[in-house]
C-alpha atoms as a PDB file:
ATOM      1  CA  MET A   1      15.077 -15.543  12.975  1.00  0.00           C
ATOM      2  CA  ASN A   2      14.035 -13.591   9.901  1.00  0.00           C
ATOM      3  CA  PRO A   3      10.149 -12.802  10.816  1.00  0.00           C
ATOM      4  CA  LEU A   4       9.246 -13.699   7.291  1.00  0.00           C
ATOM      5  CA  GLN A   5      11.162 -17.201   7.451  1.00  0.00           C
ATOM      6  CA  ASP A   6       9.164 -20.187   6.557  1.00  0.00           C
ATOM      7  CA  ASP A   7       8.720 -22.381   9.849  1.00  0.00           C
ATOM      8  CA  GLY A   8       6.295 -25.160   8.463  1.00  0.00           C
ATOM      9  CA  SER A   9       5.787 -27.703   5.704  1.00  0.00           C
ATOM     10  CA  ARG A  10       4.584 -26.501   2.280  1.00  0.00           C
ATOM     11  CA  SER A  11       3.026 -29.648   1.465  1.00  0.00           C
ATOM     12  CA  GLY A  12      -0.476 -30.626   2.316  1.00  0.00           C
ATOM     13  CA  SER A  13      -2.874 -28.279   4.197  1.00  0.00           C
ATOM     14  CA  GLU A  14      -1.370 -25.583   6.496  1.00  0.00           C
ATOM     15  CA  CYS A  15      -2.758 -23.823   9.304  1.00  0.00           C
ATOM     16  CA  VAL A  16      -1.944 -20.084   9.224  1.00  0.00           C
ATOM     17  CA  GLN A  17      -2.415 -17.438  11.812  1.00  0.00           C
ATOM     18  CA  VAL A  18      -3.878 -14.160  10.378  1.00  0.00           C
ATOM     19  CA  ALA A  19      -4.084 -10.539  12.065  1.00  0.00           C
ATOM     20  CA  LEU A  20      -7.437  -9.089  11.135  1.00  0.00           C
ATOM     21  CA  PRO A  21      -8.447  -5.521  11.531  1.00  0.00           C
ATOM     22  CA  VAL A  22     -10.517  -6.170  14.583  1.00  0.00           C
ATOM     23  CA  PRO A  23     -10.340  -4.917  18.335  1.00  0.00           C
ATOM     24  CA  LEU A  24      -9.167  -8.004  19.650  1.00  0.00           C
ATOM     25  CA  ARG A  25      -5.936  -8.936  20.984  1.00  0.00           C
ATOM     26  CA  GLN A  26      -5.697 -12.275  19.133  1.00  0.00           C
ATOM     27  CA  THR A  27      -4.808 -13.750  15.983  1.00  0.00           C
ATOM     28  CA  PHE A  28      -7.217 -16.227  13.839  1.00  0.00           C
ATOM     29  CA  ASP A  29      -6.358 -19.738  12.508  1.00  0.00           C
ATOM     30  CA  TYR A  30      -7.178 -20.398   9.014  1.00  0.00           C
ATOM     31  CA  ILE A  31      -6.731 -23.344   6.500  1.00  0.00           C
ATOM     32  CA  GLY A  32      -4.871 -22.918   3.356  1.00  0.00           C
ATOM     33  CA  ARG A  33      -1.758 -23.689   1.185  1.00  0.00           C
ATOM     34  CA  ASP A  34       1.120 -21.748  -0.524  1.00  0.00           C
ATOM     35  CA  MET A  35       0.829 -18.312   1.628  1.00  0.00           C
ATOM     36  CA  GLU A  36       3.748 -16.304   2.067  1.00  0.00           C
ATOM     37  CA  ILE A  37       4.213 -15.102   5.683  1.00  0.00           C
ATOM     38  CA  GLY A  38       3.483 -11.246   5.294  1.00  0.00           C
ATOM     39  CA  SER A  39       1.095 -11.552   2.459  1.00  0.00           C
ATOM     40  CA  ARG A  40      -2.522 -10.575   2.483  1.00  0.00           C
ATOM     41  CA  VAL A  41      -5.315 -13.068   2.661  1.00  0.00           C
ATOM     42  CA  LEU A  42      -9.189 -12.634   2.240  1.00  0.00           C
ATOM     43  CA  VAL A  43     -11.022 -14.661   4.903  1.00  0.00           C
ATOM     44  CA  PRO A  44     -14.437 -15.328   6.388  1.00  0.00           C
ATOM     45  CA  PHE A  45     -15.121 -13.586   9.607  1.00  0.00           C
ATOM     46  CA  GLY A  46     -18.480 -14.115  11.006  1.00  0.00           C
ATOM     47  CA  SER A  47     -20.850 -12.772   8.296  1.00  0.00           C
ATOM     48  CA  ARG A  48     -17.971 -10.665   6.920  1.00  0.00           C
ATOM     49  CA  ARG A  49     -15.228 -10.931   4.611  1.00  0.00           C
ATOM     50  CA  LEU A  50     -11.915  -9.473   5.847  1.00  0.00           C
ATOM     51  CA  VAL A  51      -8.475  -8.618   4.547  1.00  0.00           C
ATOM     52  CA  GLY A  52      -5.673  -9.902   6.922  1.00  0.00           C
ATOM     53  CA  THR A  53      -1.992 -10.424   7.101  1.00  0.00           C
ATOM     54  CA  VAL A  54      -0.250 -13.885   7.436  1.00  0.00           C
ATOM     55  CA  LEU A  55       1.536 -13.974  10.492  1.00  0.00           C
ATOM     56  CA  SER A  56       2.951 -17.579  10.690  1.00  0.00           C
ATOM     57  CA  ARG A  57       2.202 -20.992   9.385  1.00  0.00           C
ATOM     58  CA  GLN A  58       2.631 -24.529  10.269  1.00  0.00           C
ATOM     59  CA  PRO A  59       1.235 -27.905   9.228  1.00  0.00           C
ATOM     60  CA  LYS A  60      -2.375 -28.382  10.225  1.00  0.00           C
ATOM     61  CA  THR A  61      -2.733 -29.899  13.791  1.00  0.00           C
ATOM     62  CA  HIS A  62      -6.269 -28.982  14.683  1.00  0.00           C
ATOM     63  CA  THR A  63      -8.660 -31.560  15.031  1.00  0.00           C
ATOM     64  CA  GLY A  64     -11.800 -29.239  15.090  1.00  0.00           C
ATOM     65  CA  ALA A  65     -13.166 -27.307  12.267  1.00  0.00           C
ATOM     66  CA  VAL A  66     -11.073 -24.528  10.805  1.00  0.00           C
ATOM     67  CA  LYS A  67     -12.325 -22.035   8.144  1.00  0.00           C
ATOM     68  CA  PRO A  68     -10.554 -22.115   4.986  1.00  0.00           C
ATOM     69  CA  VAL A  69      -8.862 -19.092   3.574  1.00  0.00           C
ATOM     70  CA  LEU A  70     -11.101 -17.654   0.713  1.00  0.00           C
ATOM     71  CA  THR A  71      -8.381 -15.877  -1.666  1.00  0.00           C
ATOM     72  CA  VAL A  72      -4.501 -15.628  -1.390  1.00  0.00           C
ATOM     73  CA  LEU A  73      -4.270 -12.002  -2.474  1.00  0.00           C
ATOM     74  CA  ASP A  74      -0.317 -11.707  -2.835  1.00  0.00           C
ATOM     75  CA  SER A  75       2.566 -13.961  -4.011  1.00  0.00           C
ATOM     76  CA  GLU A  76       4.912 -12.243  -1.895  1.00  0.00           C
ATOM     77  CA  PRO A  77       5.060 -10.191   1.213  1.00  0.00           C
ATOM     78  CA  VAL A  78       3.584  -6.612   1.129  1.00  0.00           C
ATOM     79  CA  LEU A  79       5.884  -5.323   3.806  1.00  0.00           C
ATOM     80  CA  PRO A  80       9.617  -5.693   3.788  1.00  0.00           C
ATOM     81  CA  ALA A  81      11.039  -7.980   6.938  1.00  0.00           C
ATOM     82  CA  ASP A  82      12.232  -5.019   9.285  1.00  0.00           C
ATOM     83  CA  LEU A  83       9.010  -3.393   8.996  1.00  0.00           C
ATOM     84  CA  PHE A  84       7.108  -6.543   9.654  1.00  0.00           C
ATOM     85  CA  ALA A  85       9.087  -7.302  12.678  1.00  0.00           C
ATOM     86  CA  LEU A  86       8.520  -3.393  14.210  1.00  0.00           C
ATOM     87  CA  LEU A  87       4.781  -3.915  13.528  1.00  0.00           C
ATOM     88  CA  ILE A  88       4.889  -7.192  15.676  1.00  0.00           C
ATOM     89  CA  TRP A  89       6.905  -5.474  18.513  1.00  0.00           C
ATOM     90  CA  SER A  90       4.771  -2.448  18.196  1.00  0.00           C
ATOM     91  CA  ALA A  91       1.416  -4.404  18.876  1.00  0.00           C
ATOM     92  CA  ARG A  92       3.165  -6.164  21.754  1.00  0.00           C
ATOM     93  CA  TYR A  93       4.879  -3.140  23.415  1.00  0.00           C
ATOM     94  CA  TYR A  94       1.586  -0.813  23.600  1.00  0.00           C
ATOM     95  CA  HIS A  95      -0.767  -3.866  23.990  1.00  0.00           C
ATOM     96  CA  HIS A  96      -2.704  -2.993  20.879  1.00  0.00           C
ATOM     97  CA  PRO A  97      -4.563  -5.445  18.714  1.00  0.00           C
ATOM     98  CA  VAL A  98      -1.846  -6.769  16.049  1.00  0.00           C
ATOM     99  CA  GLY A  99      -4.554  -6.785  13.209  1.00  0.00           C
ATOM    100  CA  GLU A 100      -5.371  -3.060  13.826  1.00  0.00           C
ATOM    101  CA  VAL A 101      -1.717  -2.142  13.803  1.00  0.00           C
ATOM    102  CA  PHE A 102      -1.030  -3.951  10.470  1.00  0.00           C
ATOM    103  CA  GLN A 103      -4.147  -2.230   9.012  1.00  0.00           C
ATOM    104  CA  THR A 104      -2.722   1.084   9.914  1.00  0.00           C
ATOM    105  CA  ALA A 105       0.591   0.496   8.374  1.00  0.00           C
ATOM    106  CA  LEU A 106      -0.987  -0.643   4.837  1.00  0.00           C
ATOM    107  CA  PRO A 107      -2.038   1.794   2.299  1.00  0.00           C
ATOM    108  CA  ALA A 108      -5.618   2.342   1.666  1.00  0.00           C
ATOM    109  CA  ARG A 109      -5.421   0.199  -1.306  1.00  0.00           C
ATOM    110  CA  LEU A 110      -3.991  -2.800   0.207  1.00  0.00           C
ATOM    111  CA  ARG A 111      -6.592  -2.722   3.059  1.00  0.00           C
ATOM    112  CA  GLN A 112      -9.070  -3.841   0.443  1.00  0.00           C
ATOM    113  CA  SER A 113      -8.865  -6.912  -1.527  1.00  0.00           C
ATOM    114  CA  LYS A 114      -7.090  -5.060  -4.341  1.00  0.00           C
ATOM    115  CA  PRO A 115      -3.684  -6.111  -5.706  1.00  0.00           C
ATOM    116  CA  MET A 116      -0.654  -4.297  -5.268  1.00  0.00           C
ATOM    117  CA  ALA A 117       0.230  -1.637  -7.591  1.00  0.00           C
ATOM    118  CA  ASN A 118       3.280  -2.219  -9.767  1.00  0.00           C
ATOM    119  CA  PRO A 119       5.613   0.968  -8.871  1.00  0.00           C
ATOM    120  CA  ASN A 120       7.159   0.680 -12.576  1.00  0.00           C
ATOM    121  CA  ILE A 121       3.644   1.139 -14.087  1.00  0.00           C
ATOM    122  CA  SER A 122       2.409   4.787 -14.348  1.00  0.00           C
ATOM    123  CA  ARG A 123      -0.959   5.810 -15.630  1.00  0.00           C
ATOM    124  CA  THR A 124      -1.816   8.810 -17.799  1.00  0.00           C
ATOM    125  CA  LEU A 125      -5.135  10.334 -18.940  1.00  0.00           C
ATOM    126  CA  CYS A 126      -4.941  10.885 -22.675  1.00  0.00           C
ATOM    127  CA  VAL A 127      -7.163  12.238 -25.259  1.00  0.00           C
ATOM    128  CA  SER A 128      -8.740   9.401 -27.136  1.00  0.00           C
ATOM    129  CA  VAL A 129     -10.015  10.966 -30.150  1.00  0.00           C
ATOM    130  CA  ASP A 130      -8.242  12.553 -33.152  1.00  0.00           C
ATOM    131  CA  ASP A 131     -10.451  15.748 -33.456  1.00  0.00           C
ATOM    132  CA  TRP A 132     -11.153  16.872 -29.881  1.00  0.00           C
ATOM    133  CA  ARG A 133     -12.119  20.429 -30.909  1.00  0.00           C
ATOM    134  CA  SER A 134     -14.916  18.847 -32.854  1.00  0.00           C
ATOM    135  CA  ALA A 135     -15.788  16.729 -29.804  1.00  0.00           C
ATOM    136  CA  ILE A 136     -15.997  19.944 -27.662  1.00  0.00           C
ATOM    137  CA  THR A 137     -18.200  21.616 -29.967  1.00  0.00           C
ATOM    138  CA  GLU A 138     -20.643  18.719 -30.707  1.00  0.00           C
ATOM    139  CA  GLN A 139     -20.634  16.583 -27.305  1.00  0.00           C
ATOM    140  CA  LEU A 140     -19.672  19.212 -24.568  1.00  0.00           C
ATOM    141  CA  SER A 141     -21.715  22.448 -25.432  1.00  0.00           C
ATOM    142  CA  ARG A 142     -23.385  22.112 -21.809  1.00  0.00           C
ATOM    143  CA  ALA A 143     -20.474  20.611 -19.961  1.00  0.00           C
ATOM    144  CA  PRO A 144     -17.967  23.456 -19.391  1.00  0.00           C
ATOM    145  CA  LYS A 145     -15.792  21.587 -16.977  1.00  0.00           C
ATOM    146  CA  GLN A 146     -15.381  18.709 -19.261  1.00  0.00           C
ATOM    147  CA  ARG A 147     -14.550  20.993 -22.240  1.00  0.00           C
ATOM    148  CA  ALA A 148     -12.060  22.667 -20.005  1.00  0.00           C
ATOM    149  CA  LEU A 149     -10.208  19.560 -19.048  1.00  0.00           C
ATOM    150  CA  LEU A 150     -10.413  17.748 -22.493  1.00  0.00           C
ATOM    151  CA  SER A 151      -8.700  20.913 -23.931  1.00  0.00           C
ATOM    152  CA  PHE A 152      -6.077  21.113 -21.147  1.00  0.00           C
ATOM    153  CA  LEU A 153      -5.395  17.446 -21.824  1.00  0.00           C
ATOM    154  CA  ALA A 154      -4.995  17.935 -25.650  1.00  0.00           C
ATOM    155  CA  GLU A 155      -2.441  20.608 -24.970  1.00  0.00           C
ATOM    156  CA  ASN A 156      -0.819  18.902 -22.021  1.00  0.00           C
ATOM    157  CA  PRO A 157      -0.339  15.054 -22.758  1.00  0.00           C
ATOM    158  CA  GLY A 158       0.999  12.641 -20.560  1.00  0.00           C
ATOM    159  CA  LEU A 159      -0.338  13.614 -17.155  1.00  0.00           C
ATOM    160  CA  GLY A 160      -1.134  11.291 -14.259  1.00  0.00           C
ATOM    161  CA  SER A 161      -3.235  11.712 -11.276  1.00  0.00           C
ATOM    162  CA  GLU A 162      -0.742  13.561  -8.965  1.00  0.00           C
ATOM    163  CA  ASP A 163       0.177  16.007 -12.060  1.00  0.00           C
ATOM    164  CA  LEU A 164      -3.639  16.794 -12.344  1.00  0.00           C
ATOM    165  CA  ASN A 165      -3.964  17.110  -8.963  1.00  0.00           C
ATOM    166  CA  HIS A 166      -1.642  20.070  -8.732  1.00  0.00           C
ATOM    167  CA  GLN A 167      -2.203  21.672 -12.385  1.00  0.00           C
ATOM    168  CA  PHE A 168      -6.056  20.870 -12.775  1.00  0.00           C
ATOM    169  CA  PRO A 169      -8.023  20.834  -9.154  1.00  0.00           C
ATOM    170  CA  GLY A 170     -11.171  19.107  -9.351  1.00  0.00           C
ATOM    171  CA  TRP A 171     -10.430  17.137 -12.342  1.00  0.00           C
ATOM    172  CA  ARG A 172     -11.937  13.869 -11.540  1.00  0.00           C
ATOM    173  CA  ALA A 173     -15.583  14.701 -11.742  1.00  0.00           C
ATOM    174  CA  ALA A 174     -15.050  16.035 -15.137  1.00  0.00           C
ATOM    175  CA  ALA A 175     -12.573  13.267 -16.240  1.00  0.00           C
ATOM    176  CA  ALA A 176     -15.656  10.778 -15.238  1.00  0.00           C
ATOM    177  CA  GLY A 177     -17.829  12.436 -17.684  1.00  0.00           C
ATOM    178  CA  LEU A 178     -15.092  12.343 -20.476  1.00  0.00           C
ATOM    179  CA  LEU A 179     -14.349   8.545 -19.792  1.00  0.00           C
ATOM    180  CA  GLN A 180     -18.194   7.839 -20.120  1.00  0.00           C
ATOM    181  CA  LYS A 181     -18.360   9.445 -23.136  1.00  0.00           C
ATOM    182  CA  ASP A 182     -15.217   7.599 -24.536  1.00  0.00           C
ATOM    183  CA  LEU A 183     -13.248  11.129 -25.093  1.00  0.00           C
ATOM    184  CA  VAL A 184     -10.432  10.212 -22.883  1.00  0.00           C
ATOM    185  CA  ASN A 185      -8.822   6.881 -21.503  1.00  0.00           C
ATOM    186  CA  TRP A 186      -6.342   5.796 -19.218  1.00  0.00           C
ATOM    187  CA  ILE A 187      -3.157   4.458 -20.530  1.00  0.00           C
ATOM    188  CA  GLU A 188      -0.408   2.261 -18.701  1.00  0.00           C
ATOM    189  CA  ILE A 189       3.232   3.143 -19.396  1.00  0.00           C
ATOM    190  CA  GLU A 190       5.938   0.802 -17.946  1.00  0.00           C
ATOM    191  CA  GLN A 191       8.831   2.558 -16.831  1.00  0.00           C
ATOM    192  CA  ASN A 192      12.301   1.276 -16.138  1.00  0.00           C
ATOM    193  CA  VAL A 193      13.243   2.738 -12.961  1.00  0.00           C
ATOM    194  CA  ASP A 194      16.673   2.620 -11.367  1.00  0.00           C
ATOM    195  CA  ARG A 195      15.861   2.076  -7.671  1.00  0.00           C
ATOM    196  CA  ASP A 196      19.293   3.001  -6.309  1.00  0.00           C
ATOM    197  CA  ALA A 197      19.024   6.452  -8.375  1.00  0.00           C
ATOM    198  CA  THR A 198      15.706   7.009  -6.750  1.00  0.00           C
ATOM    199  CA  LEU A 199      17.482   6.817  -2.996  1.00  0.00           C
ATOM    200  CA  ILE A 200      17.575   9.924  -0.889  1.00  0.00           C
ATOM    201  CA  ALA A 201      20.933  11.153  -0.735  1.00  0.00           C
ATOM    202  CA  PRO A 202      22.480  10.682   2.871  1.00  0.00           C
ATOM    203  CA  VAL A 203      22.146  13.653   5.315  1.00  0.00           C
ATOM    204  CA  THR A 204      25.163  15.329   6.612  1.00  0.00           C
ATOM    205  CA  LEU A 205      25.066  15.980  10.267  1.00  0.00           C
ATOM    206  CA  SER A 206      26.225  18.847  11.891  1.00  0.00           C
ATOM    207  CA  THR A 207      28.867  18.544  14.596  1.00  0.00           C
ATOM    208  CA  GLU A 208      26.109  18.963  17.487  1.00  0.00           C
ATOM    209  CA  GLN A 209      23.784  16.621  15.785  1.00  0.00           C
ATOM    210  CA  GLN A 210      26.744  13.911  15.125  1.00  0.00           C
ATOM    211  CA  VAL A 211      27.387  14.063  18.973  1.00  0.00           C
ATOM    212  CA  ILE A 212      23.707  13.367  19.851  1.00  0.00           C
ATOM    213  CA  ARG A 213      23.287  10.693  17.325  1.00  0.00           C
ATOM    214  CA  ASP A 214      26.463   8.972  18.451  1.00  0.00           C
ATOM    215  CA  GLU A 215      25.096   9.107  22.267  1.00  0.00           C
ATOM    216  CA  ILE A 216      21.893   7.773  21.030  1.00  0.00           C
ATOM    217  CA  LEU A 217      23.484   4.783  19.202  1.00  0.00           C
ATOM    218  CA  ARG A 218      25.995   4.107  22.435  1.00  0.00           C
ATOM    219  CA  HIS A 219      23.115   2.573  23.859  1.00  0.00           C
ATOM    220  CA  SER A 220      22.791  -1.014  22.587  1.00  0.00           C
ATOM    221  CA  ASP A 221      19.381  -1.725  24.569  1.00  0.00           C
ATOM    222  CA  PHE A 222      16.238   0.050  24.386  1.00  0.00           C
ATOM    223  CA  GLN A 223      16.478   3.609  25.864  1.00  0.00           C
ATOM    224  CA  VAL A 224      14.069   6.616  25.623  1.00  0.00           C
ATOM    225  CA  HIS A 225      15.671   9.751  24.475  1.00  0.00           C
ATOM    226  CA  LEU A 226      14.288  13.560  24.438  1.00  0.00           C
ATOM    227  CA  LEU A 227      15.453  15.659  21.924  1.00  0.00           C
ATOM    228  CA  HIS A 228      15.118  19.399  22.514  1.00  0.00           C
ATOM    229  CA  GLY A 229      15.798  22.092  19.903  1.00  0.00           C
ATOM    230  CA  VAL A 230      14.229  24.884  17.743  1.00  0.00           C
ATOM    231  CA  THR A 231      11.375  23.496  15.477  1.00  0.00           C
ATOM    232  CA  GLY A 232      12.528  22.998  12.015  1.00  0.00           C
ATOM    233  CA  SER A 233      16.028  23.103  12.752  1.00  0.00           C
ATOM    234  CA  GLY A 234      16.690  19.421  11.834  1.00  0.00           C
END
């Protein structure tokens, strides 16, 4: 069965099992509707509000009080089905709290109640004034780092965070000041990304590597294998 497959009715209230980032080897039941397995939800947990991952759902059968989900954060799973299944297996195999396993697998942004970033949207930091040289003279006379960054952005338009990290280390503090003065702003650009074109090309194995690979794949059940070789040799 696909680990993300629906196994319950979508009509009426549903009871969902949620993995929460707490050091307890259990899941927690909440009431809600229209939640995809593998999506994130914001739920009450004691005096706190935590972001958890929906592991399963079924029609409500509880007779006691079950707290409701506060917010459904995603309309679709945030993890692919194979990774979802691997995390479930890992939690069971290593006897580790499943909520902490999922928490570790999620990017920092998704560990909070923030929406998933659109992979086709890029953000660039752009100069927002026509005469940036005058702005340097009039507004940034006592801010050398902001002057340098504004000049750099004007001469190198279209740079995103990763570009700036490499080309202008320590840019964030200066950018905060420029943003506050409305001298720069973030612009979102939608890109048409060919996902197939971005896939990593298949690796060509050496004869020795191919023999080892075939030997490992020959075992259909779970086995432990030790690979010994020169560090960095592949």
